[in-house]
Every structure is written in C-alpha cells, then in structure tokens.
C-alpha cells in the first residue's frame, strides 16, 4: 500500500474520532473523566506501571465507545425500522462500553484509593 493511502487511512480514523467526540455525549463524558484522571495521576505522581494501567483503561473505554457508535450507525443503516435483533445488537455493544468503563473505575480505585487515604 502506498504512503499516500496510509496517510489517508489516518485521516479517516481522525475524522471518525472527531465524529465520535462531536456526536456522542457519553464519549465526551469519557474524555472529561480521562482528563480528570490524568490530572489526578500527575498530582499524585503515580508510578509508570500505574500510568500504563490508566492509559490502557482509557484507551479501552474510548475504543469500546467507538465500536458501539459504529455498530449503532450500521444497525440504523441496515434496520431503520425497529427490529428486536437490532435492539439486542445495540444493547450488547452498549454493555461492552459499560463493562470496560466499570473495569476502568476499578483500576482507578485500586490506584487512587491508597493515595487518598494513606
């Protein structure tokens, strides 16, 4: 694949990221929480390993939000009328976001509770 096609693929990915942030209120919430957690990490000078866990958690939640949004767009395209299976697909994708967010909260608690109380 040519270098120009590679550059275009990144442009499309950044367009998708921009659309995600502009169109999805939950994605904006995730970004704000990520910024707050990043500030806390800087404030408490968390370790490199703790940073790695935080970065992976943030990336996972945002990636799940992007996949959920893509699945919602695709489902709306192929099934503009209500269909129970379309609803189940959307619910399962939303559950993936919820599970990743819950995991990120647990990672945050494990990392930050000792800094708050000890």
N, C-alpha and C. Protein backbone atom coordinates (compact mmCIF):
# COMPACT_ATOMS: atom_id res chain seq x y z
N UNK A 1 0.85 -1.18 0.00
CA UNK A 1 0.00 0.00 0.00
C UNK A 1 0.89 1.24 0.00
N UNK A 2 0.50 2.24 -0.77
CA UNK A 2 1.33 3.43 -0.90
C UNK A 2 1.28 4.29 0.36
N UNK A 3 2.28 5.15 0.48
CA UNK A 3 2.36 6.06 1.62
C UNK A 3 1.15 6.98 1.65
N UNK A 4 0.71 7.43 0.49
CA UNK A 4 -0.42 8.33 0.40
C UNK A 4 -1.70 7.66 0.93
N UNK A 5 -1.90 6.40 0.59
CA UNK A 5 -3.07 5.67 1.10
C UNK A 5 -2.98 5.51 2.62
N UNK A 6 -1.78 5.29 3.12
CA UNK A 6 -1.58 5.18 4.57
C UNK A 6 -1.98 6.48 5.26
N UNK A 7 -1.54 7.60 4.70
CA UNK A 7 -1.87 8.91 5.26
C UNK A 7 -3.38 9.11 5.25
N UNK A 8 -4.03 8.75 4.14
CA UNK A 8 -5.49 8.88 4.06
C UNK A 8 -6.19 8.02 5.10
N UNK A 9 -5.67 6.84 5.36
CA UNK A 9 -6.31 5.97 6.35
C UNK A 9 -6.26 6.61 7.73
N UNK A 10 -5.17 7.30 8.04
CA UNK A 10 -5.09 8.01 9.32
C UNK A 10 -6.07 9.18 9.34
N UNK A 11 -6.20 9.87 8.23
CA UNK A 11 -7.13 10.99 8.15
C UNK A 11 -8.56 10.49 8.43
N UNK A 12 -8.93 9.37 7.85
CA UNK A 12 -10.27 8.81 8.08
C UNK A 12 -10.45 8.43 9.55
N UNK A 13 -9.42 7.87 10.14
CA UNK A 13 -9.50 7.49 11.55
C UNK A 13 -9.70 8.72 12.43
N UNK A 14 -8.97 9.80 12.13
CA UNK A 14 -9.14 11.03 12.91
C UNK A 14 -10.51 11.67 12.67
N UNK A 15 -11.04 11.53 11.46
CA UNK A 15 -12.40 12.00 11.19
C UNK A 15 -13.40 11.22 12.03
N UNK A 16 -13.18 9.92 12.13
CA UNK A 16 -14.05 9.08 12.97
C UNK A 16 -13.97 9.48 14.43
N UNK A 17 -12.77 9.77 14.90
CA UNK A 17 -12.59 10.21 16.29
C UNK A 17 -13.28 11.55 16.51
N UNK A 18 -13.15 12.45 15.57
CA UNK A 18 -13.82 13.75 15.67
C UNK A 18 -15.33 13.58 15.70
N UNK A 19 -15.86 12.74 14.84
CA UNK A 19 -17.31 12.49 14.83
C UNK A 19 -17.76 11.87 16.15
N UNK A 20 -16.96 10.95 16.66
CA UNK A 20 -17.29 10.31 17.94
C UNK A 20 -17.44 11.34 19.04
N UNK A 21 -16.47 12.24 19.15
CA UNK A 21 -16.49 13.24 20.22
C UNK A 21 -17.62 14.25 20.01
N UNK A 22 -17.84 14.66 18.76
CA UNK A 22 -18.88 15.65 18.47
C UNK A 22 -20.29 15.09 18.64
N UNK A 23 -20.50 13.83 18.27
CA UNK A 23 -21.87 13.31 18.18
C UNK A 23 -22.31 12.48 19.38
N UNK A 24 -21.38 12.05 20.21
CA UNK A 24 -21.73 11.12 21.28
C UNK A 24 -21.50 11.75 22.65
N UNK A 25 -22.58 12.10 23.35
CA UNK A 25 -22.41 12.71 24.69
C UNK A 25 -21.62 11.83 25.65
N UNK A 26 -21.83 10.53 25.60
CA UNK A 26 -21.10 9.64 26.51
C UNK A 26 -19.61 9.65 26.21
N UNK A 27 -19.23 9.78 24.95
CA UNK A 27 -17.81 9.85 24.60
C UNK A 27 -17.20 11.11 25.20
N UNK A 28 -17.94 12.21 25.15
CA UNK A 28 -17.43 13.45 25.76
C UNK A 28 -17.26 13.28 27.26
N UNK A 29 -18.18 12.59 27.91
CA UNK A 29 -18.06 12.32 29.35
C UNK A 29 -16.80 11.49 29.60
N UNK A 30 -16.58 10.46 28.79
CA UNK A 30 -15.39 9.62 28.95
C UNK A 30 -14.11 10.44 28.80
N UNK A 31 -14.10 11.36 27.84
CA UNK A 31 -12.92 12.20 27.63
C UNK A 31 -12.69 13.11 28.84
N UNK A 32 -13.77 13.69 29.37
CA UNK A 32 -13.63 14.54 30.55
C UNK A 32 -13.13 13.76 31.76
N UNK A 33 -13.66 12.56 31.96
CA UNK A 33 -13.20 11.72 33.07
C UNK A 33 -11.73 11.35 32.85
N UNK A 34 -11.37 11.03 31.61
CA UNK A 34 -9.97 10.69 31.31
C UNK A 34 -9.05 11.87 31.64
N UNK A 35 -9.49 13.08 31.31
CA UNK A 35 -8.69 14.27 31.63
C UNK A 35 -8.55 14.44 33.14
N UNK A 36 -9.64 14.22 33.87
CA UNK A 36 -9.60 14.35 35.33
C UNK A 36 -8.67 13.30 35.94
N UNK A 37 -8.75 12.07 35.44
CA UNK A 37 -7.89 11.00 35.95
C UNK A 37 -6.43 11.30 35.62
N UNK A 38 -6.19 11.84 34.43
CA UNK A 38 -4.83 12.21 34.05
C UNK A 38 -4.29 13.29 34.99
N UNK A 39 -5.13 14.27 35.31
CA UNK A 39 -4.71 15.33 36.25
C UNK A 39 -4.41 14.74 37.63
N UNK A 40 -5.28 13.83 38.09
CA UNK A 40 -5.02 13.17 39.38
C UNK A 40 -3.72 12.39 39.35
N UNK A 41 -3.47 11.69 38.25
CA UNK A 41 -2.23 10.93 38.12
C UNK A 41 -1.01 11.83 38.21
N UNK A 42 -1.10 12.99 37.57
CA UNK A 42 0.01 13.95 37.65
C UNK A 42 0.15 14.49 39.08
N UNK A 43 -0.97 14.82 39.69
CA UNK A 43 -0.97 15.38 41.05
C UNK A 43 -0.32 14.40 42.05
N UNK A 44 -0.73 13.13 41.95
CA UNK A 44 -0.22 12.14 42.90
C UNK A 44 1.06 11.46 42.43
N UNK A 45 1.54 11.84 41.27
CA UNK A 45 2.78 11.27 40.72
C UNK A 45 2.76 9.74 40.78
N UNK A 46 1.74 9.18 40.13
CA UNK A 46 1.61 7.73 40.13
C UNK A 46 2.77 7.10 39.36
N UNK A 47 3.00 5.83 39.61
CA UNK A 47 4.14 5.12 39.03
C UNK A 47 3.92 4.85 37.54
N UNK A 48 4.99 4.44 36.88
CA UNK A 48 4.90 4.10 35.45
C UNK A 48 3.93 2.95 35.22
N UNK A 49 3.95 1.96 36.09
CA UNK A 49 3.03 0.84 35.95
C UNK A 49 1.58 1.29 36.14
N UNK A 50 1.35 2.18 37.10
CA UNK A 50 0.01 2.73 37.30
C UNK A 50 -0.43 3.54 36.08
N UNK A 51 0.50 4.31 35.50
CA UNK A 51 0.18 5.05 34.28
C UNK A 51 -0.21 4.10 33.16
N UNK A 52 0.53 3.01 33.05
CA UNK A 52 0.22 2.03 32.00
C UNK A 52 -1.21 1.50 32.16
N UNK A 53 -1.59 1.17 33.39
CA UNK A 53 -2.94 0.67 33.64
C UNK A 53 -4.00 1.73 33.32
N UNK A 54 -3.72 2.98 33.68
CA UNK A 54 -4.65 4.09 33.41
C UNK A 54 -4.78 4.29 31.90
N UNK A 55 -3.66 4.34 31.20
CA UNK A 55 -3.68 4.57 29.75
C UNK A 55 -4.42 3.45 29.02
N UNK A 56 -4.15 2.21 29.40
CA UNK A 56 -4.85 1.09 28.78
C UNK A 56 -6.35 1.16 29.07
N UNK A 57 -6.71 1.52 30.29
CA UNK A 57 -8.13 1.63 30.65
C UNK A 57 -8.82 2.72 29.84
N UNK A 58 -8.19 3.88 29.74
CA UNK A 58 -8.77 4.98 28.97
C UNK A 58 -8.93 4.57 27.50
N UNK A 59 -7.88 3.99 26.94
CA UNK A 59 -7.93 3.58 25.54
C UNK A 59 -9.02 2.54 25.31
N UNK A 60 -9.16 1.60 26.23
CA UNK A 60 -10.17 0.55 26.08
C UNK A 60 -11.58 1.14 26.12
N UNK A 61 -11.85 2.02 27.05
CA UNK A 61 -13.18 2.62 27.15
C UNK A 61 -13.50 3.43 25.90
N UNK A 62 -12.56 4.25 25.44
CA UNK A 62 -12.81 5.05 24.24
C UNK A 62 -12.94 4.18 23.00
N UNK A 63 -12.16 3.12 22.92
CA UNK A 63 -12.28 2.20 21.79
C UNK A 63 -13.64 1.49 21.80
N UNK A 64 -14.09 1.07 22.97
CA UNK A 64 -15.40 0.43 23.06
C UNK A 64 -16.51 1.41 22.68
N UNK A 65 -16.35 2.66 23.09
CA UNK A 65 -17.34 3.69 22.72
C UNK A 65 -17.37 3.87 21.20
N UNK A 66 -16.20 3.84 20.56
CA UNK A 66 -16.14 3.96 19.11
C UNK A 66 -16.79 2.76 18.42
N UNK A 67 -16.51 1.56 18.90
CA UNK A 67 -17.12 0.36 18.33
C UNK A 67 -18.63 0.40 18.53
N UNK A 68 -19.08 0.81 19.71
CA UNK A 68 -20.51 0.92 19.98
C UNK A 68 -21.16 1.90 19.01
N UNK A 69 -20.53 3.04 18.80
CA UNK A 69 -21.08 4.04 17.88
C UNK A 69 -21.13 3.50 16.45
N UNK A 70 -20.06 2.83 16.03
CA UNK A 70 -20.03 2.25 14.68
C UNK A 70 -21.15 1.23 14.51
N UNK A 71 -21.34 0.39 15.52
CA UNK A 71 -22.40 -0.61 15.44
C UNK A 71 -23.78 0.04 15.42
N UNK A 72 -23.97 1.10 16.19
CA UNK A 72 -25.24 1.82 16.16
C UNK A 72 -25.50 2.41 14.79
N UNK A 73 -24.48 3.06 14.20
CA UNK A 73 -24.64 3.62 12.85
C UNK A 73 -25.01 2.54 11.85
N UNK A 74 -24.27 1.44 11.89
CA UNK A 74 -24.51 0.36 10.93
C UNK A 74 -25.89 -0.27 11.13
N UNK A 75 -26.26 -0.48 12.38
CA UNK A 75 -27.58 -1.05 12.67
C UNK A 75 -28.69 -0.14 12.18
N UNK A 76 -28.55 1.16 12.40
CA UNK A 76 -29.56 2.10 11.92
C UNK A 76 -29.64 2.11 10.39
N UNK A 77 -28.50 1.89 9.73
CA UNK A 77 -28.49 1.85 8.27
C UNK A 77 -29.22 0.63 7.74
N UNK A 78 -28.92 -0.54 8.29
CA UNK A 78 -29.49 -1.78 7.74
C UNK A 78 -30.87 -2.11 8.31
N UNK A 79 -31.22 -1.49 9.43
CA UNK A 79 -32.52 -1.76 10.04
C UNK A 79 -33.14 -0.47 10.54
N UNK A 80 -33.58 0.40 9.60
CA UNK A 80 -34.16 1.68 10.03
C UNK A 80 -35.46 1.51 10.84
N UNK A 81 -36.17 0.43 10.58
CA UNK A 81 -37.37 0.11 11.36
C UNK A 81 -36.93 -0.65 12.60
N UNK A 82 -37.74 -0.58 13.64
CA UNK A 82 -37.41 -1.33 14.85
C UNK A 82 -37.41 -2.82 14.56
N UNK A 83 -36.40 -3.49 15.04
CA UNK A 83 -36.33 -4.95 15.00
C UNK A 83 -35.70 -5.40 16.30
N UNK A 84 -36.27 -6.45 16.93
CA UNK A 84 -35.72 -6.86 18.23
C UNK A 84 -34.24 -7.25 18.17
N UNK A 85 -33.80 -7.87 17.08
CA UNK A 85 -32.39 -8.25 17.00
C UNK A 85 -31.49 -7.02 16.86
N UNK A 86 -31.97 -5.99 16.18
CA UNK A 86 -31.20 -4.75 16.08
C UNK A 86 -31.05 -4.15 17.48
N UNK A 87 -32.12 -4.17 18.25
CA UNK A 87 -32.05 -3.67 19.62
C UNK A 87 -31.09 -4.48 20.47
N UNK A 88 -31.10 -5.80 20.30
CA UNK A 88 -30.17 -6.64 21.07
C UNK A 88 -28.72 -6.36 20.69
N UNK A 89 -28.47 -6.13 19.40
CA UNK A 89 -27.10 -5.82 18.96
C UNK A 89 -26.64 -4.51 19.60
N UNK A 90 -27.51 -3.51 19.59
CA UNK A 90 -27.15 -2.22 20.20
C UNK A 90 -26.95 -2.37 21.71
N UNK A 91 -27.80 -3.14 22.36
CA UNK A 91 -27.67 -3.35 23.80
C UNK A 91 -26.36 -4.06 24.14
N UNK A 92 -25.99 -5.07 23.33
CA UNK A 92 -24.75 -5.80 23.59
C UNK A 92 -23.54 -4.88 23.43
N UNK A 93 -23.57 -4.03 22.41
CA UNK A 93 -22.46 -3.09 22.21
C UNK A 93 -22.39 -2.09 23.37
N UNK A 94 -23.54 -1.63 23.82
CA UNK A 94 -23.56 -0.72 24.97
C UNK A 94 -23.04 -1.42 26.22
N UNK A 95 -23.35 -2.71 26.36
CA UNK A 95 -22.85 -3.48 27.50
C UNK A 95 -21.32 -3.56 27.47
N UNK A 96 -20.74 -3.66 26.28
CA UNK A 96 -19.28 -3.69 26.17
C UNK A 96 -18.67 -2.40 26.69
N UNK A 97 -19.31 -1.28 26.37
CA UNK A 97 -18.82 0.01 26.89
C UNK A 97 -18.95 0.04 28.41
N UNK A 98 -20.11 -0.39 28.89
CA UNK A 98 -20.34 -0.41 30.34
C UNK A 98 -19.32 -1.28 31.06
N UNK A 99 -19.07 -2.46 30.55
CA UNK A 99 -18.10 -3.36 31.20
C UNK A 99 -16.70 -2.76 31.20
N UNK A 100 -16.30 -2.15 30.08
CA UNK A 100 -14.96 -1.55 30.06
C UNK A 100 -14.89 -0.35 31.00
N UNK A 101 -15.96 0.43 31.08
CA UNK A 101 -15.97 1.57 32.00
C UNK A 101 -15.93 1.10 33.45
N UNK A 102 -16.66 0.04 33.76
CA UNK A 102 -16.63 -0.49 35.13
C UNK A 102 -15.23 -0.99 35.46
N UNK A 103 -14.58 -1.65 34.53
CA UNK A 103 -13.20 -2.10 34.74
C UNK A 103 -12.27 -0.92 34.96
N UNK A 104 -12.47 0.16 34.19
CA UNK A 104 -11.63 1.35 34.35
C UNK A 104 -11.84 1.99 35.72
N UNK A 105 -13.08 2.00 36.20
CA UNK A 105 -13.35 2.54 37.53
C UNK A 105 -12.62 1.72 38.59
N UNK A 106 -12.65 0.41 38.44
CA UNK A 106 -11.97 -0.46 39.41
C UNK A 106 -10.46 -0.21 39.38
N UNK A 107 -9.90 -0.09 38.17
CA UNK A 107 -8.47 0.23 38.06
C UNK A 107 -8.17 1.55 38.76
N UNK A 108 -9.02 2.55 38.51
CA UNK A 108 -8.82 3.85 39.16
C UNK A 108 -8.89 3.77 40.67
N UNK A 109 -9.85 3.02 41.18
CA UNK A 109 -9.96 2.87 42.63
C UNK A 109 -8.74 2.18 43.22
N UNK A 110 -8.30 1.11 42.56
CA UNK A 110 -7.12 0.39 43.05
C UNK A 110 -5.89 1.31 43.09
N UNK A 111 -5.77 2.16 42.08
CA UNK A 111 -4.61 3.05 42.01
C UNK A 111 -4.73 4.23 42.96
N UNK A 112 -5.91 4.86 43.02
CA UNK A 112 -6.01 6.15 43.72
C UNK A 112 -6.44 6.04 45.18
N UNK A 113 -7.14 5.02 45.58
CA UNK A 113 -7.55 4.92 46.99
C UNK A 113 -6.35 4.99 47.94
N UNK A 114 -5.26 4.27 47.68
CA UNK A 114 -4.11 4.40 48.59
C UNK A 114 -3.56 5.82 48.65
N UNK A 115 -3.63 6.55 47.53
CA UNK A 115 -3.14 7.94 47.54
C UNK A 115 -4.06 8.86 48.34
N UNK A 116 -5.34 8.56 48.34
CA UNK A 116 -6.31 9.39 49.07
C UNK A 116 -6.25 9.17 50.58
N UNK A 117 -6.03 7.93 50.99
CA UNK A 117 -6.21 7.59 52.41
C UNK A 117 -4.92 7.21 53.13
N UNK A 118 -3.82 7.03 52.43
CA UNK A 118 -2.62 6.57 53.12
C UNK A 118 -1.45 7.48 52.86
